[in-house]
Amino acid sequence: MGAKEKYFSNISNRERAIFEGAISMGALFHQFVGTPFNRKTAESLEKAMEESFTLQPCIDKVEVSIDLDRLDKAMTEFEYTSLSGDMLDVKIYSKVDDVLAVIRIEFIEELNYPLMYVEDIIE
């Protein structure tokens, strides 16, 4: 019996795709928020997040964009700042068999909050 049959037989592929993407999004958020960076290192930080999280089970693709305007506003006199949730726009594409879940975090102005949500399910 493989891991899929042993540990995931009680949920659908749709549910597992959402689970895998959501657990990865939560880990990404809590691992990288607080990371010191600046404009010079922003692109490498985006790439590090993308490349490291595509290693996780079922993660097909990760797209990370850091809001450079928010970065500029948060910049300190020491020429860096810490990554915060409101700077992130991330999509995690989680695929389980024939189901692709797109899990996203983005800053929602009307909520004044970096919201994690299921953006799409493609079956």
PDB file of N, CA and C in Angstrom:
ATOM      1  N   MET A   1       0.856  -1.179   0.000  1.00  0.00           N
ATOM      2  CA  MET A   1       0.000   0.000   0.000  1.00  0.00           C
ATOM      3  C   MET A   1       0.901   1.239   0.000  1.00  0.00           C
ATOM      4  N   GLY A   2       0.672   2.144  -0.954  1.00  0.00           N
ATOM      5  CA  GLY A   2       1.441   3.377  -1.028  1.00  0.00           C
ATOM      6  C   GLY A   2       0.898   4.435  -0.077  1.00  0.00           C
ATOM      7  N   ALA A   3       1.659   5.504   0.039  1.00  0.00           N
ATOM      8  CA  ALA A   3       1.269   6.600   0.948  1.00  0.00           C
ATOM      9  C   ALA A   3      -0.069   7.194   0.555  1.00  0.00           C
ATOM     10  N   LYS A   4      -0.305   7.330  -0.761  1.00  0.00           N
ATOM     11  CA  LYS A   4      -1.569   7.924  -1.207  1.00  0.00           C
ATOM     12  C   LYS A   4      -2.753   7.094  -0.717  1.00  0.00           C
ATOM     13  N   GLU A   5      -2.658   5.792  -0.883  1.00  0.00           N
ATOM     14  CA  GLU A   5      -3.749   4.923  -0.447  1.00  0.00           C
ATOM     15  C   GLU A   5      -3.858   4.874   1.070  1.00  0.00           C
ATOM     16  N   LYS A   6      -2.722   4.877   1.733  1.00  0.00           N
ATOM     17  CA  LYS A   6      -2.720   4.754   3.187  1.00  0.00           C
ATOM     18  C   LYS A   6      -3.210   6.021   3.891  1.00  0.00           C
ATOM     19  N   TYR A   7      -2.774   7.190   3.410  1.00  0.00           N
ATOM     20  CA  TYR A   7      -3.037   8.425   4.147  1.00  0.00           C
ATOM     21  C   TYR A   7      -4.057   9.361   3.505  1.00  0.00           C
ATOM     22  N   PHE A   8      -4.391   9.118   2.242  1.00  0.00           N
ATOM     23  CA  PHE A   8      -5.292  10.057   1.564  1.00  0.00           C
ATOM     24  C   PHE A   8      -6.512   9.394   0.931  1.00  0.00           C
ATOM     25  N   SER A   9      -6.797   8.179   1.309  1.00  0.00           N
ATOM     26  CA  SER A   9      -7.950   7.490   0.716  1.00  0.00           C
ATOM     27  C   SER A   9      -9.283   8.042   1.217  1.00  0.00           C
ATOM     28  N   ASN A  10      -9.253   8.810   2.283  1.00  0.00           N
ATOM     29  CA  ASN A  10     -10.495   9.345   2.850  1.00  0.00           C
ATOM     30  C   ASN A  10     -10.867  10.725   2.292  1.00  0.00           C
ATOM     31  N   ILE A  11     -10.072  11.246   1.345  1.00  0.00           N
ATOM     32  CA  ILE A  11     -10.412  12.530   0.727  1.00  0.00           C
ATOM     33  C   ILE A  11     -10.280  12.429  -0.790  1.00  0.00           C
ATOM     34  N   SER A  12     -10.940  13.334  -1.485  1.00  0.00           N
ATOM     35  CA  SER A  12     -10.900  13.344  -2.950  1.00  0.00           C
ATOM     36  C   SER A  12      -9.614  14.006  -3.449  1.00  0.00           C
ATOM     37  N   ASN A  13      -9.329  13.818  -4.736  1.00  0.00           N
ATOM     38  CA  ASN A  13      -8.184  14.497  -5.341  1.00  0.00           C
ATOM     39  C   ASN A  13      -8.329  16.008  -5.227  1.00  0.00           C
ATOM     40  N   ARG A  14      -9.540  16.501  -5.362  1.00  0.00           N
ATOM     41  CA  ARG A  14      -9.817  17.936  -5.224  1.00  0.00           C
ATOM     42  C   ARG A  14      -9.438  18.423  -3.824  1.00  0.00           C
ATOM     43  N   GLU A  15      -9.881  17.695  -2.823  1.00  0.00           N
ATOM     44  CA  GLU A  15      -9.570  18.068  -1.439  1.00  0.00           C
ATOM     45  C   GLU A  15      -8.070  17.994  -1.172  1.00  0.00           C
ATOM     46  N   ARG A  16      -7.408  16.983  -1.712  1.00  0.00           N
ATOM     47  CA  ARG A  16      -5.967  16.852  -1.483  1.00  0.00           C
ATOM     48  C   ARG A  16      -5.201  17.961  -2.200  1.00  0.00           C
ATOM     49  N   ALA A  17      -5.623  18.324  -3.412  1.00  0.00           N
ATOM     50  CA  ALA A  17      -4.957  19.418  -4.132  1.00  0.00           C
ATOM     51  C   ALA A  17      -5.060  20.714  -3.327  1.00  0.00           C
ATOM     52  N   ILE A  18      -6.232  20.982  -2.767  1.00  0.00           N
ATOM     53  CA  ILE A  18      -6.417  22.166  -1.927  1.00  0.00           C
ATOM     54  C   ILE A  18      -5.548  22.061  -0.678  1.00  0.00           C
ATOM     55  N   PHE A  19      -5.561  20.913  -0.027  1.00  0.00           N
ATOM     56  CA  PHE A  19      -4.765  20.703   1.175  1.00  0.00           C
ATOM     57  C   PHE A  19      -3.280  20.941   0.910  1.00  0.00           C
ATOM     58  N   GLU A  20      -2.746  20.310  -0.129  1.00  0.00           N
ATOM     59  CA  GLU A  20      -1.309  20.422  -0.423  1.00  0.00           C
ATOM     60  C   GLU A  20      -0.918  21.870  -0.719  1.00  0.00           C
ATOM     61  N   GLY A  21      -1.744  22.565  -1.520  1.00  0.00           N
ATOM     62  CA  GLY A  21      -1.452  23.962  -1.834  1.00  0.00           C
ATOM     63  C   GLY A  21      -1.562  24.861  -0.621  1.00  0.00           C
ATOM     64  N   ALA A  22      -2.583  24.637   0.185  1.00  0.00           N
ATOM     65  CA  ALA A  22      -2.812  25.490   1.356  1.00  0.00           C
ATOM     66  C   ALA A  22      -1.742  25.285   2.423  1.00  0.00           C
ATOM     67  N   ILE A  23      -1.344  24.052   2.651  1.00  0.00           N
ATOM     68  CA  ILE A  23      -0.314  23.801   3.659  1.00  0.00           C
ATOM     69  C   ILE A  23       1.005  24.400   3.209  1.00  0.00           C
ATOM     70  N   SER A  24       1.273  24.355   1.918  1.00  0.00           N
ATOM     71  CA  SER A  24       2.496  24.973   1.387  1.00  0.00           C
ATOM     72  C   SER A  24       2.434  26.489   1.491  1.00  0.00           C
ATOM     73  N   MET A  25       1.270  27.072   1.228  1.00  0.00           N
ATOM     74  CA  MET A  25       1.130  28.529   1.320  1.00  0.00           C
ATOM     75  C   MET A  25       1.351  28.997   2.753  1.00  0.00           C
ATOM     76  N   GLY A  26       0.775  28.303   3.703  1.00  0.00           N
ATOM     77  CA  GLY A  26       0.975  28.665   5.108  1.00  0.00           C
ATOM     78  C   GLY A  26       2.435  28.547   5.507  1.00  0.00           C
ATOM     79  N   ALA A  27       3.096  27.500   5.054  1.00  0.00           N
ATOM     80  CA  ALA A  27       4.516  27.327   5.371  1.00  0.00           C
ATOM     81  C   ALA A  27       5.346  28.429   4.726  1.00  0.00           C
ATOM     82  N   LEU A  28       5.069  28.747   3.467  1.00  0.00           N
ATOM     83  CA  LEU A  28       5.801  29.813   2.776  1.00  0.00           C
ATOM     84  C   LEU A  28       5.651  31.128   3.513  1.00  0.00           C
ATOM     85  N   PHE A  29       4.424  31.462   3.857  1.00  0.00           N
ATOM     86  CA  PHE A  29       4.154  32.733   4.537  1.00  0.00           C
ATOM     87  C   PHE A  29       4.930  32.820   5.848  1.00  0.00           C
ATOM     88  N   HIS A  30       4.812  31.806   6.672  1.00  0.00           N
ATOM     89  CA  HIS A  30       5.417  31.861   8.000  1.00  0.00           C
ATOM     90  C   HIS A  30       6.925  31.654   7.978  1.00  0.00           C
ATOM     91  N   GLN A  31       7.427  31.040   6.932  1.00  0.00           N
ATOM     92  CA  GLN A  31       8.870  30.870   6.818  1.00  0.00           C
ATOM     93  C   GLN A  31       9.553  32.153   6.361  1.00  0.00           C
ATOM     94  N   PHE A  32       8.952  32.896   5.419  1.00  0.00           N
ATOM     95  CA  PHE A  32       9.641  34.021   4.804  1.00  0.00           C
ATOM     96  C   PHE A  32       9.262  35.395   5.341  1.00  0.00           C
ATOM     97  N   VAL A  33       8.088  35.561   5.935  1.00  0.00           N
ATOM     98  CA  VAL A  33       7.746  36.863   6.511  1.00  0.00           C
ATOM     99  C   VAL A  33       8.764  37.170   7.613  1.00  0.00           C
ATOM    100  N   GLY A  34       9.325  38.354   7.546  1.00  0.00           N
ATOM    101  CA  GLY A  34      10.369  38.758   8.482  1.00  0.00           C
ATOM    102  C   GLY A  34      11.757  38.692   7.878  1.00  0.00           C
ATOM    103  N   THR A  35      11.874  38.118   6.675  1.00  0.00           N
ATOM    104  CA  THR A  35      13.168  38.024   6.013  1.00  0.00           C
ATOM    105  C   THR A  35      13.676  39.418   5.647  1.00  0.00           C
ATOM    106  N   PRO A  36      14.911  39.750   6.008  1.00  0.00           N
ATOM    107  CA  PRO A  36      15.456  41.046   5.618  1.00  0.00           C
ATOM    108  C   PRO A  36      15.782  41.043   4.120  1.00  0.00           C
ATOM    109  N   PHE A  37      15.429  42.154   3.422  1.00  0.00           N
ATOM    110  CA  PHE A  37      15.709  42.261   1.991  1.00  0.00           C
ATOM    111  C   PHE A  37      15.610  43.718   1.558  1.00  0.00           C
ATOM    112  N   ASN A  38      16.019  43.963   0.325  1.00  0.00           N
ATOM    113  CA  ASN A  38      15.886  45.289  -0.283  1.00  0.00           C
ATOM    114  C   ASN A  38      15.641  45.105  -1.781  1.00  0.00           C
ATOM    115  N   ARG A  39      15.644  46.194  -2.540  1.00  0.00           N
ATOM    116  CA  ARG A  39      15.390  46.093  -3.983  1.00  0.00           C
ATOM    117  C   ARG A  39      16.417  45.197  -4.677  1.00  0.00           C
ATOM    118  N   LYS A  40      17.655  45.267  -4.217  1.00  0.00           N
ATOM    119  CA  LYS A  40      18.727  44.480  -4.823  1.00  0.00           C
ATOM    120  C   LYS A  40      18.509  42.976  -4.648  1.00  0.00           C
ATOM    121  N   THR A  41      17.919  42.576  -3.528  1.00  0.00           N
ATOM    122  CA  THR A  41      17.756  41.151  -3.237  1.00  0.00           C
ATOM    123  C   THR A  41      16.323  40.647  -3.440  1.00  0.00           C
ATOM    124  N   ALA A  42      15.387  41.529  -3.801  1.00  0.00           N
ATOM    125  CA  ALA A  42      13.975  41.135  -3.934  1.00  0.00           C
ATOM    126  C   ALA A  42      13.782  40.022  -4.960  1.00  0.00           C
ATOM    127  N   GLU A  43      14.416  40.150  -6.106  1.00  0.00           N
ATOM    128  CA  GLU A  43      14.237  39.139  -7.155  1.00  0.00           C
ATOM    129  C   GLU A  43      14.785  37.782  -6.730  1.00  0.00           C
ATOM    130  N   SER A  44      15.925  37.766  -6.060  1.00  0.00           N
ATOM    131  CA  SER A  44      16.475  36.482  -5.610  1.00  0.00           C
ATOM    132  C   SER A  44      15.622  35.873  -4.497  1.00  0.00           C
ATOM    133  N   LEU A  45      15.003  36.717  -3.678  1.00  0.00           N
ATOM    134  CA  LEU A  45      14.096  36.213  -2.643  1.00  0.00           C
ATOM    135  C   LEU A  45      12.856  35.583  -3.285  1.00  0.00           C
ATOM    136  N   GLU A  46      12.292  36.248  -4.291  1.00  0.00           N
ATOM    137  CA  GLU A  46      11.154  35.668  -5.021  1.00  0.00           C
ATOM    138  C   GLU A  46      11.530  34.311  -5.601  1.00  0.00           C
ATOM    139  N   LYS A  47      12.680  34.246  -6.241  1.00  0.00           N
ATOM    140  CA  LYS A  47      13.132  32.999  -6.873  1.00  0.00           C
ATOM    141  C   LYS A  47      13.372  31.900  -5.843  1.00  0.00           C
ATOM    142  N   ALA A  48      13.957  32.255  -4.695  1.00  0.00           N
ATOM    143  CA  ALA A  48      14.195  31.260  -3.640  1.00  0.00           C
ATOM    144  C   ALA A  48      12.878  30.661  -3.150  1.00  0.00           C
ATOM    145  N   MET A  49      11.866  31.510  -2.971  1.00  0.00           N
ATOM    146  CA  MET A  49      10.562  31.006  -2.534  1.00  0.00           C
ATOM    147  C   MET A  49       9.974  30.072  -3.585  1.00  0.00           C
ATOM    148  N   GLU A  50      10.028  30.496  -4.839  1.00  0.00           N
ATOM    149  CA  GLU A  50       9.468  29.683  -5.923  1.00  0.00           C
ATOM    150  C   GLU A  50      10.165  28.330  -6.020  1.00  0.00           C
ATOM    151  N   GLU A  51      11.475  28.346  -6.056  1.00  0.00           N
ATOM    152  CA  GLU A  51      12.229  27.108  -6.257  1.00  0.00           C
ATOM    153  C   GLU A  51      12.137  26.162  -5.065  1.00  0.00           C
ATOM    154  N   SER A  52      12.158  26.698  -3.855  1.00  0.00           N
ATOM    155  CA  SER A  52      12.120  25.809  -2.695  1.00  0.00           C
ATOM    156  C   SER A  52      10.754  25.161  -2.516  1.00  0.00           C
ATOM    157  N   PHE A  53       9.688  25.887  -2.789  1.00  0.00           N
ATOM    158  CA  PHE A  53       8.362  25.312  -2.549  1.00  0.00           C
ATOM    159  C   PHE A  53       7.874  24.403  -3.663  1.00  0.00           C
ATOM    160  N   THR A  54       8.490  24.471  -4.848  1.00  0.00           N
ATOM    161  CA  THR A  54       8.124  23.502  -5.887  1.00  0.00           C
ATOM    162  C   THR A  54       8.680  22.120  -5.569  1.00  0.00           C
ATOM    163  N   LEU A  55       9.532  22.011  -4.556  1.00  0.00           N
ATOM    164  CA  LEU A  55      10.051  20.713  -4.134  1.00  0.00           C
ATOM    165  C   LEU A  55       9.031  19.917  -3.328  1.00  0.00           C
ATOM    166  N   GLN A  56       8.031  20.576  -2.791  1.00  0.00           N
ATOM    167  CA  GLN A  56       7.074  19.900  -1.927  1.00  0.00           C
ATOM    168  C   GLN A  56       6.099  19.031  -2.726  1.00  0.00           C
ATOM    169  N   PRO A  57       5.526  18.015  -2.062  1.00  0.00           N
ATOM    170  CA  PRO A  57       4.618  17.093  -2.751  1.00  0.00           C
ATOM    171  C   PRO A  57       3.472  17.814  -3.444  1.00  0.00           C
ATOM    172  N   CYS A  58       3.235  17.432  -4.678  1.00  0.00           N
ATOM    173  CA  CYS A  58       2.089  17.885  -5.478  1.00  0.00           C
ATOM    174  C   CYS A  58       2.183  19.345  -5.934  1.00  0.00           C
ATOM    175  N   ILE A  59       3.230  20.060  -5.593  1.00  0.00           N
ATOM    176  CA  ILE A  59       3.317  21.459  -5.994  1.00  0.00           C
ATOM    177  C   ILE A  59       3.910  21.513  -7.395  1.00  0.00           C
ATOM    178  N   ASP A  60       3.086  21.970  -8.330  1.00  0.00           N
ATOM    179  CA  ASP A  60       3.434  21.986  -9.744  1.00  0.00           C
ATOM    180  C   ASP A  60       4.209  23.247 -10.117  1.00  0.00           C
ATOM    181  N   LYS A  61       3.794  24.376  -9.544  1.00  0.00           N
ATOM    182  CA  LYS A  61       4.422  25.653  -9.875  1.00  0.00           C
ATOM    183  C   LYS A  61       4.122  26.650  -8.764  1.00  0.00           C
ATOM    184  N   VAL A  62       5.060  27.588  -8.566  1.00  0.00           N
ATOM    185  CA  VAL A  62       4.879  28.663  -7.591  1.00  0.00           C
ATOM    186  C   VAL A  62       5.277  29.967  -8.276  1.00  0.00           C
ATOM    187  N   GLU A  63       4.420  30.975  -8.156  1.00  0.00           N
ATOM    188  CA  GLU A  63       4.716  32.302  -8.698  1.00  0.00           C
ATOM    189  C   GLU A  63       4.707  33.296  -7.541  1.00  0.00           C
ATOM    190  N   VAL A  64       5.830  34.003  -7.355  1.00  0.00           N
ATOM    191  CA  VAL A  64       5.958  34.960  -6.265  1.00  0.00           C
ATOM    192  C   VAL A  64       6.267  36.330  -6.836  1.00  0.00           C
ATOM    193  N   SER A  65       5.525  37.312  -6.364  1.00  0.00           N
ATOM    194  CA  SER A  65       5.790  38.700  -6.722  1.00  0.00           C
ATOM    195  C   SER A  65       5.768  39.527  -5.441  1.00  0.00           C
ATOM    196  N   ILE A  66       6.821  40.317  -5.245  1.00  0.00           N
ATOM    197  CA  ILE A  66       6.898  41.209  -4.091  1.00  0.00           C
ATOM    198  C   ILE A  66       6.575  42.619  -4.565  1.00  0.00           C
ATOM    199  N   ASP A  67       5.666  43.285  -3.886  1.00  0.00           N
ATOM    200  CA  ASP A  67       5.245  44.643  -4.229  1.00  0.00           C
ATOM    201  C   ASP A  67       6.380  45.614  -3.884  1.00  0.00           C
ATOM    202  N   LEU A  68       7.056  46.101  -4.918  1.00  0.00           N
ATOM    203  CA  LEU A  68       8.210  46.970  -4.707  1.00  0.00           C
ATOM    204  C   LEU A  68       7.821  48.351  -4.193  1.00  0.00           C
ATOM    205  N   ASP A  69       6.609  48.800  -4.487  1.00  0.00           N
ATOM    206  CA  ASP A  69       6.150  50.081  -3.932  1.00  0.00           C
ATOM    207  C   ASP A  69       6.027  49.986  -2.415  1.00  0.00           C
ATOM    208  N   ARG A  70       5.468  48.889  -1.931  1.00  0.00           N
ATOM    209  CA  ARG A  70       5.357  48.690  -0.478  1.00  0.00           C
ATOM    210  C   ARG A  70       6.742  48.524   0.144  1.00  0.00           C
ATOM    211  N   LEU A  71       7.625  47.851  -0.576  1.00  0.00           N
ATOM    212  CA  LEU A  71       9.006  47.722  -0.118  1.00  0.00           C
ATOM    213  C   LEU A  71       9.635  49.103   0.070  1.00  0.00           C
ATOM    214  N   ASP A  72       9.492  49.955  -0.952  1.00  0.00           N
ATOM    215  CA  ASP A  72      10.083  51.298  -0.881  1.00  0.00           C
ATOM    216  C   ASP A  72       9.538  52.095   0.302  1.00  0.00           C
ATOM    217  N   LYS A  73       8.247  51.962   0.554  1.00  0.00           N
ATOM    218  CA  LYS A  73       7.627  52.701   1.666  1.00  0.00           C
ATOM    219  C   LYS A  73       8.106  52.197   3.032  1.00  0.00           C
ATOM    220  N   ALA A  74       8.496  50.923   3.094  1.00  0.00           N
ATOM    221  CA  ALA A  74       8.914  50.329   4.361  1.00  0.00           C
ATOM    222  C   ALA A  74      10.429  50.395   4.579  1.00  0.00           C
ATOM    223  N   MET A  75      11.159  50.876   3.581  1.00  0.00           N
ATOM    224  CA  MET A  75      12.612  50.899   3.649  1.00  0.00           C
ATOM    225  C   MET A  75      13.103  51.719   4.836  1.00  0.00           C
ATOM    226  N   THR A  76      14.122  51.210   5.510  1.00  0.00           N
ATOM    227  CA  THR A  76      14.686  51.887   6.671  1.00  0.00           C
ATOM    228  C   THR A  76      15.941  52.662   6.270  1.00  0.00           C
ATOM    229  N   GLU A  77      16.459  53.437   7.172  1.00  0.00           N
ATOM    230  CA  GLU A  77      17.693  54.184   6.920  1.00  0.00           C
ATOM    231  C   GLU A  77      18.884  53.248   6.734  1.00  0.00           C
ATOM    232  N   PHE A  78      18.734  51.991   7.099  1.00  0.00           N
ATOM    233  CA  PHE A  78      19.800  51.010   6.939  1.00  0.00           C
ATOM    234  C   PHE A  78      19.746  50.314   5.577  1.00  0.00           C
ATOM    235  N   GLU A  79      18.879  50.811   4.707  1.00  0.00           N
ATOM    236  CA  GLU A  79      18.750  50.357   3.320  1.00  0.00           C
ATOM    237  C   GLU A  79      18.248  48.924   3.161  1.00  0.00           C
ATOM    238  N   TYR A  80      17.397  48.516   4.085  1.00  0.00           N
ATOM    239  CA  TYR A  80      16.691  47.246   3.943  1.00  0.00           C
ATOM    240  C   TYR A  80      15.432  47.319   4.792  1.00  0.00           C
ATOM    241  N   THR A  81      14.578  46.346   4.613  1.00  0.00           N
ATOM    242  CA  THR A  81      13.404  46.210   5.462  1.00  0.00           C
ATOM    243  C   THR A  81      13.131  44.724   5.640  1.00  0.00           C
ATOM    244  N   SER A  82      12.062  44.387   6.342  1.00  0.00           N
ATOM    245  CA  SER A  82      11.657  42.992   6.507  1.00  0.00           C
ATOM    246  C   SER A  82      10.420  42.725   5.667  1.00  0.00           C
ATOM    247  N   LEU A  83      10.403  41.579   5.033  1.00  0.00           N
ATOM    248  CA  LEU A  83       9.255  41.176   4.230  1.00  0.00           C
ATOM    249  C   LEU A  83       8.024  41.079   5.117  1.00  0.00           C
ATOM    250  N   SER A  84       6.924  41.654   4.650  1.00  0.00           N
ATOM    251  CA  SER A  84       5.655  41.556   5.379  1.00  0.00           C
ATOM    252  C   SER A  84       4.593  40.987   4.449  1.00  0.00           C
ATOM    253  N   GLY A  85       3.536  40.464   5.037  1.00  0.00           N
ATOM    254  CA  GLY A  85       2.480  39.814   4.271  1.00  0.00           C
ATOM    255  C   GLY A  85       1.828  40.707   3.232  1.00  0.00           C
ATOM    256  N   ASP A  86       1.745  42.005   3.517  1.00  0.00           N
ATOM    257  CA  ASP A  86       1.095  42.908   2.567  1.00  0.00           C
ATOM    258  C   ASP A  86       1.927  43.141   1.313  1.00  0.00           C
ATOM    259  N   MET A  87       3.181  42.694   1.298  1.00  0.00           N
ATOM    260  CA  MET A  87       4.044  42.833   0.126  1.00  0.00           C
ATOM    261  C   MET A  87       3.942  41.645  -0.824  1.00  0.00           C
ATOM    262  N   LEU A  88       3.294  40.577  -0.380  1.00  0.00           N
ATOM    263  CA  LEU A  88       3.293  39.326  -1.142  1.00  0.00           C
ATOM    264  C   LEU A  88       2.102  39.174  -2.070  1.00  0.00           C
ATOM    265  N   ASP A  89       2.379  38.677  -3.255  1.00  0.00           N
ATOM    266  CA  ASP A  89       1.357  38.179  -4.177  1.00  0.00           C
ATOM    267  C   ASP A  89       1.906  36.846  -4.667  1.00  0.00           C
ATOM    268  N   VAL A  90       1.339  35.767  -4.158  1.00  0.00           N
ATOM    269  CA  VAL A  90       1.858  34.426  -4.426  1.00  0.00           C
ATOM    270  C   VAL A  90       0.734  33.536  -4.923  1.00  0.00           C
ATOM    271  N   LYS A  91       1.050  32.748  -5.957  1.00  0.00           N
ATOM    272  CA  LYS A  91       0.144  31.698  -6.422  1.00  0.00           C
ATOM    273  C   LYS A  91       0.883  30.377  -6.337  1.00  0.00           C
ATOM    274  N   ILE A  92       0.242  29.402  -5.699  1.00  0.00           N
ATOM    275  CA  ILE A  92       0.769  28.047  -5.643  1.00  0.00           C
ATOM    276  C   ILE A  92      -0.183  27.158  -6.428  1.00  0.00           C
ATOM    277  N   TYR A  93       0.369  26.441  -7.406  1.00  0.00           N
ATOM    278  CA  TYR A  93      -0.401  25.531  -8.248  1.00  0.00           C
ATOM    279  C   TYR A  93      -0.137  24.123  -7.746  1.00  0.00           C
ATOM    280  N   SER A  94      -1.157  23.507  -7.171  1.00  0.00           N
ATOM    281  CA  SER A  94      -1.045  22.184  -6.582  1.00  0.00           C
ATOM    282  C   SER A  94      -1.830  21.191  -7.427  1.00  0.00           C
ATOM    283  N   LYS A  95      -1.148  20.143  -7.887  1.00  0.00           N
ATOM    284  CA  LYS A  95      -1.794  19.189  -8.788  1.00  0.00           C
ATOM    285  C   LYS A  95      -1.805  17.790  -8.182  1.00  0.00           C
ATOM    286  N   VAL A  96      -2.985  17.203  -8.154  1.00  0.00           N
ATOM    287  CA  VAL A  96      -3.154  15.820  -7.720  1.00  0.00           C
ATOM    288  C   VAL A  96      -3.946  15.115  -8.806  1.00  0.00           C
ATOM    289  N   ASP A  97      -3.276  14.196  -9.484  1.00  0.00           N
ATOM    290  CA  ASP A  97      -3.848  13.485 -10.629  1.00  0.00           C
ATOM    291  C   ASP A  97      -4.441  14.476 -11.629  1.00  0.00           C
ATOM    292  N   ASP A  98      -5.752  14.508 -11.766  1.00  0.00           N
ATOM    293  CA  ASP A  98      -6.399  15.344 -12.787  1.00  0.00           C
ATOM    294  C   ASP A  98      -6.936  16.667 -12.229  1.00  0.00           C
ATOM    295  N   VAL A  99      -6.574  17.016 -11.022  1.00  0.00           N
ATOM    296  CA  VAL A  99      -7.100  18.232 -10.389  1.00  0.00           C
ATOM    297  C   VAL A  99      -5.959  19.205 -10.099  1.00  0.00           C
ATOM    298  N   LEU A 100      -6.167  20.461 -10.507  1.00  0.00           N
ATOM    299  CA  LEU A 100      -5.208  21.530 -10.237  1.00  0.00           C
ATOM    300  C   LEU A 100      -5.886  22.586  -9.376  1.00  0.00           C
ATOM    301  N   ALA A 101      -5.307  22.858  -8.213  1.00  0.00           N
ATOM    302  CA  ALA A 101      -5.815  23.903  -7.327  1.00  0.00           C
ATOM    303  C   ALA A 101      -4.842  25.078  -7.365  1.00  0.00           C
ATOM    304  N   VAL A 102      -5.397  26.277  -7.455  1.00  0.00           N
ATOM    305  CA  VAL A 102      -4.581  27.487  -7.414  1.00  0.00           C
ATOM    306  C   VAL A 102      -4.880  28.176  -6.089  1.00  0.00           C
ATOM    307  N   ILE A 103      -3.873  28.192  -5.225  1.00  0.00           N
ATOM    308  CA  ILE A 103      -3.990  28.801  -3.905  1.00  0.00           C
ATOM    309  C   ILE A 103      -3.238  30.126  -3.957  1.00  0.00           C
ATOM    310  N   ARG A 104      -3.841  31.184  -3.441  1.00  0.00           N
ATOM    311  CA  ARG A 104      -3.238  32.512  -3.593  1.00  0.00           C
ATOM    312  C   ARG A 104      -3.227  33.274  -2.276  1.00  0.00           C
ATOM    313  N   ILE A 105      -2.215  34.109  -2.142  1.00  0.00           N
ATOM    314  CA  ILE A 105      -2.218  35.146  -1.115  1.00  0.00           C
ATOM    315  C   ILE A 105      -1.940  36.453  -1.831  1.00  0.00           C
ATOM    316  N   GLU A 106      -2.743  37.454  -1.497  1.00  0.00           N
ATOM    317  CA  GLU A 106      -2.527  38.801  -2.015  1.00  0.00           C
ATOM    318  C   GLU A 106      -3.126  39.783  -1.021  1.00  0.00           C
ATOM    319  N   PHE A 107      -2.597  40.992  -1.050  1.00  0.00           N
ATOM    320  CA  PHE A 107      -3.109  42.018  -0.165  1.00  0.00           C
ATOM    321  C   PHE A 107      -4.413  42.549  -0.754  1.00  0.00           C
ATOM    322  N   ILE A 108      -5.493  42.476   0.025  1.00  0.00           N
ATOM    323  CA  ILE A 108      -6.806  42.953  -0.404  1.00  0.00           C
ATOM    324  C   ILE A 108      -7.043  44.297   0.276  1.00  0.00           C
ATOM    325  N   GLU A 109      -7.042  45.356  -0.522  1.00  0.00           N
ATOM    326  CA  GLU A 109      -7.170  46.722   0.010  1.00  0.00           C
ATOM    327  C   GLU A 109      -8.431  46.890   0.864  1.00  0.00           C
ATOM    328  N   GLU A 110      -9.578  46.401   0.365  1.00  0.00           N
ATOM    329  CA  GLU A 110     -10.835  46.619   1.091  1.00  0.00           C
ATOM    330  C   GLU A 110     -10.849  45.916   2.449  1.00  0.00           C
ATOM    331  N   LEU A 111     -10.047  44.878   2.600  1.00  0.00           N
ATOM    332  CA  LEU A 111      -9.935  44.173   3.879  1.00  0.00           C
ATOM    333  C   LEU A 111      -8.742  44.663   4.701  1.00  0.00           C
ATOM    334  N   ASN A 112      -7.835  45.382   4.028  1.00  0.00           N
ATOM    335  CA  ASN A 112      -6.579  45.804   4.646  1.00  0.00           C
ATOM    336  C   ASN A 112      -5.858  44.598   5.245  1.00  0.00           C
ATOM    337  N   TYR A 113      -5.749  43.534   4.410  1.00  0.00           N
ATOM    338  CA  TYR A 113      -5.278  42.250   4.920  1.00  0.00           C
ATOM    339  C   TYR A 113      -4.682  41.406   3.785  1.00  0.00           C
ATOM    340  N   PRO A 114      -3.575  40.697   4.058  1.00  0.00           N
ATOM    341  CA  PRO A 114      -3.052  39.745   3.072  1.00  0.00           C
ATOM    342  C   PRO A 114      -3.835  38.430   3.172  1.00  0.00           C
ATOM    343  N   LEU A 115      -4.758  38.228   2.263  1.00  0.00           N
ATOM    344  CA  LEU A 115      -5.700  37.113   2.334  1.00  0.00           C
ATOM    345  C   LEU A 115      -5.191  35.891   1.576  1.00  0.00           C
ATOM    346  N   MET A 116      -5.245  34.723   2.236  1.00  0.00           N
ATOM    347  CA  MET A 116      -4.986  33.437   1.584  1.00  0.00           C
ATOM    348  C   MET A 116      -6.338  32.850   1.204  1.00  0.00           C
ATOM    349  N   TYR A 117      -6.446  32.391  -0.061  1.00  0.00           N
ATOM    350  CA  TYR A 117      -7.722  31.816  -0.495  1.00  0.00           C
ATOM    351  C   TYR A 117      -7.514  30.869  -1.681  1.00  0.00           C
ATOM    352  N   VAL A 118      -8.532  30.074  -1.971  1.00  0.00           N
ATOM    353  CA  VAL A 118      -8.518  29.198  -3.138  1.00  0.00           C
ATOM    354  C   VAL A 118      -8.996  30.061  -4.308  1.00  0.00           C
ATOM    355  N   GLU A 119      -8.087  30.344  -5.237  1.00  0.00           N
ATOM    356  CA  GLU A 119      -8.430  31.196  -6.369  1.00  0.00           C
ATOM    357  C   GLU A 119      -9.159  30.422  -7.466  1.00  0.00           C
ATOM    358  N   ASP A 120      -8.754  29.162  -7.683  1.00  0.00           N
ATOM    359  CA  ASP A 120      -9.368  28.398  -8.757  1.00  0.00           C
ATOM    360  C   ASP A 120      -9.160  26.910  -8.528  1.00  0.00           C
ATOM    361  N   ILE A 121     -10.070  26.121  -9.077  1.00  0.00           N
ATOM    362  CA  ILE A 121      -9.949  24.663  -9.124  1.00  0.00           C
ATOM    363  C   ILE A 121     -10.216  24.271 -10.565  1.00  0.00           C
ATOM    364  N   ILE A 122      -9.273  23.552 -11.164  1.00  0.00           N
ATOM    365  CA  ILE A 122      -9.432  23.110 -12.554  1.00  0.00           C
ATOM    366  C   ILE A 122      -9.438  21.584 -12.549  1.00  0.00           C
ATOM    367  N   GLU A 123     -10.572  21.031 -13.017  1.00  0.00           N
ATOM    368  CA  GLU A 123     -10.700  19.564 -13.026  1.00  0.00           C
ATOM    369  C   GLU A 123     -10.866  19.070 -14.437  1.00  0.00           C
TER     370      GLU A 123
END
